[in-house]
Amino acid sequence: MAELAENGAELAAPEGRTADQVKSGHRTLLILEALAAAPGPMAFTELRIQLGVPKSSLHGLLGTLVAANWVTIDARTGMYGVGPRSLRVGAAYLERDPVVMAASPLLAHLRNQLDETVHLARLDGPDVVYLVSQESKHHLRSVSRIGRSQPAYATSLGQVLLAQRSIDIVRGLLPQSMTPLTADTLTSPQGLIEALAAVRERGWAIERGQNTPGLGCVAVAVPGRHPAIDAISCSVPLNRLTDDRVDHIVDALVGCAGEIALSAPGSF
């Protein structure tokens, strides 16, 4: 009988590999992704319950990852976290991605132009992953999120990218439960789909307090690929996000997004 992944999908063993080896590799990736997504270190029991991996298997895999520095363990608390070897892989991705390389100096200029925090993010399944952040010098500003992910439905970056996809694809990307991040987060598929129709019509997305209380964000997709997978945004405290300010930010974002597409033509 074929081995199954934790989500029920069949795991096919490549030539020269046993099904057990493939399953162990899959579980190893699940461990790393769980630790990366967690807000802090995780206990063994927490990992076992979340991943549904047998205790003996999880213990062996964690031991291997700790020995190779992919995962760390606090000798005092027994809590597990992402290790320095994982950082090397993430850093290599950022250093070699042509869109990131093109966007970094352009976003630094945009940050200086707007004097607000700006981001580049990429759609990754139901989430957006932040690849570049340039922080403003204001005391009230959003914090850097490089390497972190957020639900696409709860960010202007995600909404502007979802708006380029069909309703069926959007529904397929949404989690079973749209967990609210704030009191203003959209939490119904139909509400999101209606909001995406408006985004699609005007060509840019805006959210006010849906991701972070007191903070708004405006986003546009990076052109050149359809549907787009990258978008840039500007985060602004709500007390500075006037209608005139939004218009100015949209114009600046559209110009910067076009420059990014021209600077990394082979990526689109």
Protein backbone atom coordinates (compact mmCIF):
# COMPACT_ATOMS: atom_id res chain seq x y z
CA MET A 1 0.00 0.00 0.00
CA ALA A 2 1.32 3.47 -0.88
CA GLU A 3 2.54 5.71 1.93
CA LEU A 4 0.48 8.83 2.61
CA ALA A 5 1.51 12.31 3.71
CA GLU A 6 -0.11 13.81 6.79
CA ASN A 7 -2.61 15.63 4.56
CA GLY A 8 -3.70 12.38 2.94
CA ALA A 9 -1.89 12.89 -0.36
CA GLU A 10 0.00 9.92 -1.74
CA LEU A 11 3.77 10.17 -1.54
CA ALA A 12 5.50 8.82 -4.64
CA ALA A 13 9.02 7.53 -4.07
CA PRO A 14 11.55 8.69 -6.70
CA GLU A 15 13.79 6.07 -8.27
CA GLY A 16 16.33 4.83 -5.72
CA ARG A 17 14.30 6.07 -2.71
CA THR A 18 12.00 4.10 -0.45
CA ALA A 19 8.58 5.40 0.53
CA ASP A 20 9.79 5.69 4.14
CA GLN A 21 12.64 7.97 3.06
CA VAL A 22 10.23 10.18 1.12
CA LYS A 23 7.85 10.35 4.07
CA SER A 24 10.69 11.32 6.42
CA GLY A 25 11.76 14.06 4.05
CA HIS A 26 8.20 15.39 3.92
CA ARG A 27 7.95 15.38 7.70
CA THR A 28 11.28 17.18 7.98
CA LEU A 29 9.93 20.01 5.80
CA LEU A 30 6.76 20.18 7.90
CA ILE A 31 8.86 20.57 11.06
CA LEU A 32 10.90 23.42 9.57
CA GLU A 33 7.81 25.18 8.24
CA ALA A 34 6.03 24.87 11.60
CA LEU A 35 8.98 26.31 13.49
CA ALA A 36 9.39 29.12 10.95
CA ALA A 37 5.70 30.06 11.18
CA ALA A 38 5.53 29.97 14.98
CA PRO A 39 5.79 33.27 16.88
CA GLY A 40 8.37 31.73 19.21
CA PRO A 41 10.05 28.45 20.19
CA MET A 42 7.83 25.35 20.27
CA ALA A 43 7.62 22.46 22.73
CA PHE A 44 7.96 18.87 21.54
CA THR A 45 4.35 18.08 22.44
CA GLU A 46 3.12 21.18 20.61
CA LEU A 47 4.94 20.10 17.45
CA ARG A 48 3.67 16.53 17.71
CA ILE A 49 0.05 17.60 18.07
CA GLN A 50 0.22 20.21 15.32
CA LEU A 51 1.94 17.95 12.78
CA GLY A 52 0.37 14.62 13.73
CA VAL A 53 3.76 12.88 13.59
CA PRO A 54 4.37 9.82 15.81
CA LYS A 55 6.43 10.58 18.89
CA SER A 56 9.30 8.26 18.00
CA SER A 57 9.57 9.60 14.44
CA LEU A 58 9.45 13.23 15.56
CA HIS A 59 12.12 12.64 18.20
CA GLY A 60 14.48 11.12 15.64
CA LEU A 61 13.92 13.83 13.04
CA LEU A 62 14.40 16.63 15.56
CA GLY A 63 17.61 15.02 16.77
CA THR A 64 18.97 14.94 13.23
CA LEU A 65 17.96 18.56 12.58
CA VAL A 66 19.49 19.77 15.85
CA ALA A 67 22.77 17.95 15.12
CA ALA A 68 22.94 19.64 11.71
CA ASN A 69 22.06 23.12 13.12
CA TRP A 70 18.82 23.37 11.12
CA VAL A 71 16.98 23.45 14.44
CA THR A 72 18.05 24.63 17.89
CA ILE A 73 16.97 23.33 21.29
CA ASP A 74 17.08 25.30 24.52
CA ALA A 75 18.86 23.04 27.00
CA ARG A 76 17.02 24.68 29.89
CA THR A 77 13.45 24.63 28.55
CA GLY A 78 13.60 21.92 25.88
CA MET A 79 11.94 24.28 23.40
CA TYR A 80 12.76 24.05 19.67
CA GLY A 81 13.41 26.87 17.24
CA VAL A 82 14.79 27.56 13.77
CA GLY A 83 18.57 27.10 13.59
CA PRO A 84 21.32 29.09 11.81
CA ARG A 85 21.52 26.67 8.88
CA SER A 86 17.94 27.60 7.96
CA LEU A 87 18.97 31.26 7.83
CA ARG A 88 21.62 30.47 5.23
CA VAL A 89 19.04 29.00 2.88
CA GLY A 90 16.70 31.97 3.28
CA ALA A 91 19.52 34.45 2.77
CA ALA A 92 20.63 32.65 -0.41
CA TYR A 93 17.09 32.91 -1.81
CA LEU A 94 16.96 36.66 -1.20
CA GLU A 95 20.47 37.27 -2.52
CA ARG A 96 19.83 35.44 -5.80
CA ASP A 97 16.25 36.37 -6.65
CA PRO A 98 16.32 38.84 -9.57
CA VAL A 99 13.14 40.64 -8.54
CA VAL A 100 14.44 41.16 -5.01
CA MET A 101 17.75 42.41 -6.39
CA ALA A 102 15.98 44.86 -8.71
CA ALA A 103 13.43 46.00 -6.13
CA SER A 104 15.73 46.68 -3.18
CA PRO A 105 17.31 49.96 -4.39
CA LEU A 106 14.07 51.11 -6.00
CA LEU A 107 12.13 50.56 -2.78
CA ALA A 108 14.82 52.42 -0.83
CA HIS A 109 14.25 55.38 -3.15
CA LEU A 110 10.48 55.02 -2.79
CA ARG A 111 10.80 54.98 0.99
CA ASN A 112 12.74 58.23 0.86
CA GLN A 113 10.21 59.72 -1.55
CA LEU A 114 7.16 58.85 0.58
CA ASP A 115 8.86 58.81 4.00
CA GLU A 116 6.81 55.70 4.83
CA THR A 117 7.60 52.01 5.18
CA VAL A 118 7.42 50.05 1.90
CA HIS A 119 7.46 46.32 1.15
CA LEU A 120 7.83 43.77 -1.64
CA ALA A 121 5.97 40.50 -1.11
CA ARG A 122 5.28 37.33 -3.12
CA LEU A 123 2.18 35.16 -3.17
CA ASP A 124 2.90 31.71 -1.72
CA GLY A 125 -0.25 29.60 -1.70
CA PRO A 126 -2.73 31.22 0.69
CA ASP A 127 -0.11 33.61 2.10
CA VAL A 128 2.16 36.43 1.09
CA VAL A 129 5.84 36.29 2.05
CA TYR A 130 7.69 39.55 2.65
CA LEU A 131 10.93 39.70 0.64
CA VAL A 132 12.03 43.34 1.00
CA SER A 133 11.18 45.96 3.62
CA GLN A 134 12.42 49.52 3.80
CA GLU A 135 11.37 51.21 7.03
CA SER A 136 10.49 54.87 7.36
CA LYS A 137 12.11 57.15 9.92
CA HIS A 138 8.81 58.03 11.56
CA HIS A 139 8.32 57.07 15.19
CA LEU A 140 4.94 55.55 14.23
CA ARG A 141 5.64 53.01 11.48
CA SER A 142 5.23 49.36 10.58
CA VAL A 143 8.03 46.96 11.54
CA SER A 144 10.23 44.97 9.15
CA ARG A 145 8.74 41.61 8.12
CA ILE A 146 11.38 40.12 5.81
CA GLY A 147 10.88 36.37 5.55
CA ARG A 148 7.60 36.40 7.45
CA SER A 149 4.26 35.42 5.95
CA GLN A 150 0.75 36.76 6.42
CA PRO A 151 -2.63 35.49 5.18
CA ALA A 152 -3.22 36.97 1.75
CA TYR A 153 -6.83 37.82 2.60
CA ALA A 154 -5.71 40.10 5.45
CA THR A 155 -3.20 42.25 3.57
CA SER A 156 -3.43 44.74 0.73
CA LEU A 157 -0.46 42.93 -0.88
CA GLY A 158 -2.37 39.67 -0.88
CA GLN A 159 -5.63 41.24 -1.99
CA VAL A 160 -4.12 42.95 -5.02
CA LEU A 161 -2.58 39.61 -6.09
CA LEU A 162 -5.71 37.57 -5.38
CA ALA A 163 -7.72 40.06 -7.47
CA GLN A 164 -5.82 38.88 -10.56
CA ARG A 165 -7.11 35.34 -10.07
CA SER A 166 -10.47 33.76 -10.80
CA ILE A 167 -13.06 33.37 -8.05
CA ASP A 168 -12.61 29.58 -8.14
CA ILE A 169 -8.86 29.89 -7.67
CA VAL A 170 -9.32 32.39 -4.83
CA ARG A 171 -11.76 30.07 -3.07
CA GLY A 172 -9.28 27.22 -3.47
CA LEU A 173 -6.49 29.29 -1.90
CA LEU A 174 -8.48 30.43 1.13
CA PRO A 175 -8.10 28.50 4.39
CA GLN A 176 -11.13 26.71 5.79
CA SER A 177 -11.39 29.39 8.45
CA MET A 178 -10.39 33.00 7.76
CA THR A 179 -8.98 33.80 11.19
CA PRO A 180 -9.24 37.52 12.01
CA LEU A 181 -6.00 39.33 12.78
CA THR A 182 -7.89 42.42 13.97
CA ALA A 183 -11.51 43.46 14.49
CA ASP A 184 -11.50 44.81 10.91
CA THR A 185 -10.14 41.71 9.11
CA LEU A 186 -12.36 40.29 6.37
CA THR A 187 -13.44 36.86 7.59
CA SER A 188 -15.98 35.65 5.00
CA PRO A 189 -15.08 34.36 1.51
CA GLN A 190 -17.98 36.26 -0.03
CA GLY A 191 -16.93 39.51 1.65
CA LEU A 192 -13.41 39.06 0.34
CA ILE A 193 -14.59 38.25 -3.18
CA GLU A 194 -16.69 41.44 -3.22
CA ALA A 195 -13.68 43.44 -2.01
CA LEU A 196 -11.48 41.86 -4.71
CA ALA A 197 -13.94 42.96 -7.39
CA ALA A 198 -13.39 46.56 -6.31
CA VAL A 199 -9.61 46.04 -6.27
CA ARG A 200 -9.76 44.57 -9.78
CA GLU A 201 -11.73 47.55 -11.06
CA ARG A 202 -9.46 50.28 -9.70
CA GLY A 203 -6.16 48.37 -10.10
CA TRP A 204 -4.83 48.72 -6.56
CA ALA A 205 -5.72 47.56 -3.05
CA ILE A 206 -6.10 49.32 0.27
CA GLU A 207 -6.83 48.02 3.74
CA ARG A 208 -7.36 50.02 6.89
CA GLY A 209 -6.58 48.15 10.09
CA GLN A 210 -7.30 44.69 8.65
CA ASN A 211 -3.79 43.40 9.36
CA THR A 212 -2.53 45.63 12.17
CA PRO A 213 -4.64 47.90 14.42
CA GLY A 214 -4.10 51.56 13.61
CA LEU A 215 -2.19 50.86 10.41
CA GLY A 216 -3.31 51.07 6.78
CA CYS A 217 -1.63 49.77 3.65
CA VAL A 218 -1.86 50.47 -0.08
CA ALA A 219 -0.55 47.97 -2.64
CA VAL A 220 -0.12 47.48 -6.39
CA ALA A 221 0.96 44.39 -8.31
CA VAL A 222 4.29 44.31 -10.12
CA PRO A 223 3.36 44.10 -13.82
CA GLY A 224 4.78 41.83 -16.50
CA ARG A 225 3.30 38.50 -15.45
CA HIS A 226 -0.37 37.53 -15.43
CA PRO A 227 -1.46 36.68 -12.93
CA ALA A 228 1.16 38.61 -10.97
CA ILE A 229 2.95 36.91 -8.10
CA ASP A 230 4.74 39.97 -6.67
CA ALA A 231 3.37 43.21 -5.26
CA ILE A 232 4.70 46.29 -3.49
CA SER A 233 3.01 48.26 -0.75
CA CYS A 234 3.24 51.31 1.47
CA SER A 235 2.21 51.05 5.13
CA VAL A 236 0.94 54.20 6.84
CA PRO A 237 -0.57 54.88 10.28
CA LEU A 238 -4.27 55.62 9.84
CA ASN A 239 -3.91 59.14 11.20
CA ARG A 240 -1.72 59.97 8.16
CA LEU A 241 -3.68 57.99 5.57
CA THR A 242 -5.89 60.73 4.10
CA ASP A 243 -7.55 60.41 0.69
CA ASP A 244 -5.05 62.83 -0.84
CA ARG A 245 -2.22 60.83 0.68
CA VAL A 246 -3.63 57.61 -0.78
CA ASP A 247 -3.73 59.14 -4.28
CA HIS A 248 -0.10 60.25 -3.98
CA ILE A 249 0.99 56.82 -2.69
CA VAL A 250 -0.81 54.98 -5.50
CA ASP A 251 0.92 57.09 -8.15
CA ALA A 252 4.32 56.48 -6.56
CA LEU A 253 3.71 52.72 -6.17
CA VAL A 254 2.59 52.32 -9.80
CA GLY A 255 5.72 54.09 -11.02
CA CYS A 256 8.01 52.01 -8.82
CA ALA A 257 6.31 48.73 -9.78
CA GLY A 258 6.84 49.53 -13.45
CA GLU A 259 10.53 50.25 -12.82
CA ILE A 260 10.94 46.92 -11.01
CA ALA A 261 9.42 45.06 -13.96
CA LEU A 262 11.77 46.86 -16.38
CA SER A 263 14.81 46.18 -14.17
CA ALA A 264 14.19 42.43 -13.98
CA PRO A 265 12.76 41.64 -17.43
CA GLY A 266 13.80 37.99 -17.47
CA SER A 267 11.65 37.31 -14.42
CA PHE A 268 8.34 38.29 -16.02
